[in-house]
Amino acid sequence: MSQSLLLHIILLLRFNSYDHELVSRFRKEVIRALDKDSDGVVTQEDIQRLLQNIGKTQFISRSELQSVLGLESKIPVEAIRNLM
């Protein structure tokens, strides 16, 4: 459930702000925004920062994010890319 909620938020961003962009460009922009330090890993803080920047923090709780990210509170960038 939480994973689909995160995907829904990302898709809302695409349709609200990147509708005129190619899907591949949108994915690249989201990954760049999430993985600021280019370490190939997205943390809970990275996702929270993105959600705050797009004004969507109210749509997913920290506990829901933790369930998406697992015990380590991080996920490989490739998993986010595959989610989109």
Protein backbone atom coordinates (compact mmCIF):
# COMPACT_ATOMS: atom_id res chain seq x y z
CA MET A 1 0.00 0.00 0.00
CA SER A 2 2.69 2.51 0.98
CA GLN A 3 4.71 1.79 -2.13
CA SER A 4 1.71 2.51 -4.35
CA LEU A 5 1.05 5.68 -2.35
CA LEU A 6 4.60 6.91 -3.01
CA LEU A 7 4.20 6.06 -6.69
CA HIS A 8 0.90 7.98 -6.76
CA ILE A 9 2.61 11.08 -5.30
CA ILE A 10 5.41 10.85 -7.86
CA LEU A 11 2.89 10.51 -10.68
CA LEU A 12 0.97 13.53 -9.39
CA LEU A 13 4.20 15.50 -9.63
CA ARG A 14 4.68 14.32 -13.20
CA PHE A 15 1.21 15.27 -14.34
CA ASN A 16 1.15 18.58 -12.46
CA SER A 17 4.63 19.83 -13.25
CA TYR A 18 6.25 17.72 -15.96
CA ASP A 19 3.33 16.88 -18.23
CA HIS A 20 5.11 18.38 -21.25
CA GLU A 21 8.32 16.40 -20.57
CA LEU A 22 9.23 12.94 -21.77
CA VAL A 23 8.80 10.21 -19.17
CA SER A 24 12.53 9.44 -19.32
CA ARG A 25 13.41 13.07 -18.59
CA PHE A 26 10.95 13.15 -15.70
CA ARG A 27 12.50 10.00 -14.21
CA LYS A 28 15.95 11.52 -14.53
CA GLU A 29 14.84 14.74 -12.81
CA VAL A 30 13.17 12.87 -9.94
CA ILE A 31 16.21 10.64 -9.41
CA ARG A 32 18.51 13.65 -9.47
CA ALA A 33 16.29 15.41 -6.91
CA LEU A 34 16.19 12.33 -4.67
CA ASP A 35 19.84 11.30 -4.90
CA LYS A 36 21.50 14.69 -4.36
CA ASP A 37 24.79 13.16 -3.21
CA SER A 38 24.88 10.69 -6.16
CA ASP A 39 25.64 7.72 -3.92
CA GLY A 40 23.07 5.49 -5.64
CA VAL A 41 20.91 5.25 -2.52
CA VAL A 42 17.72 7.10 -1.61
CA THR A 43 17.10 7.62 2.10
CA GLN A 44 13.96 8.49 3.99
CA GLU A 45 15.33 12.00 4.43
CA ASP A 46 15.85 12.31 0.65
CA ILE A 47 12.22 11.38 0.00
CA GLN A 48 10.96 13.66 2.79
CA ARG A 49 12.95 16.56 1.28
CA LEU A 50 11.44 15.95 -2.17
CA LEU A 51 7.93 15.70 -0.73
CA GLN A 52 8.47 18.92 1.18
CA ASN A 53 9.77 20.67 -1.95
CA ILE A 54 6.66 19.70 -3.92
CA GLY A 55 4.24 20.32 -1.05
CA LYS A 56 3.11 16.71 -0.65
CA THR A 57 4.32 15.78 2.86
CA GLN A 58 0.74 15.42 4.09
CA PHE A 59 0.08 12.50 1.73
CA ILE A 60 2.47 9.95 3.22
CA SER A 61 3.60 9.53 6.82
CA ARG A 62 7.09 8.76 8.07
CA SER A 63 5.93 5.30 9.13
CA GLU A 64 4.55 4.63 5.64
CA LEU A 65 7.86 5.73 4.14
CA GLN A 66 9.68 3.39 6.50
CA SER A 67 7.56 0.49 5.30
CA VAL A 68 8.52 1.33 1.69
CA LEU A 69 12.22 1.63 2.52
CA GLY A 70 12.51 -1.29 4.93
CA LEU A 71 14.56 -1.63 8.09
CA GLU A 72 17.58 0.18 6.69
CA SER A 73 15.52 3.28 5.82
CA LYS A 74 17.08 3.45 2.38
CA ILE A 75 16.49 2.03 -1.08
CA PRO A 76 18.71 1.77 -4.18
CA VAL A 77 18.08 4.40 -6.84
CA GLU A 78 17.41 1.59 -9.31
CA ALA A 79 14.46 0.41 -7.21
CA ILE A 80 12.95 3.92 -7.34
CA ARG A 81 13.54 4.04 -11.10
CA ASN A 82 11.79 0.67 -11.48
CA LEU A 83 8.91 1.91 -9.31
CA MET A 84 8.26 4.73 -11.76
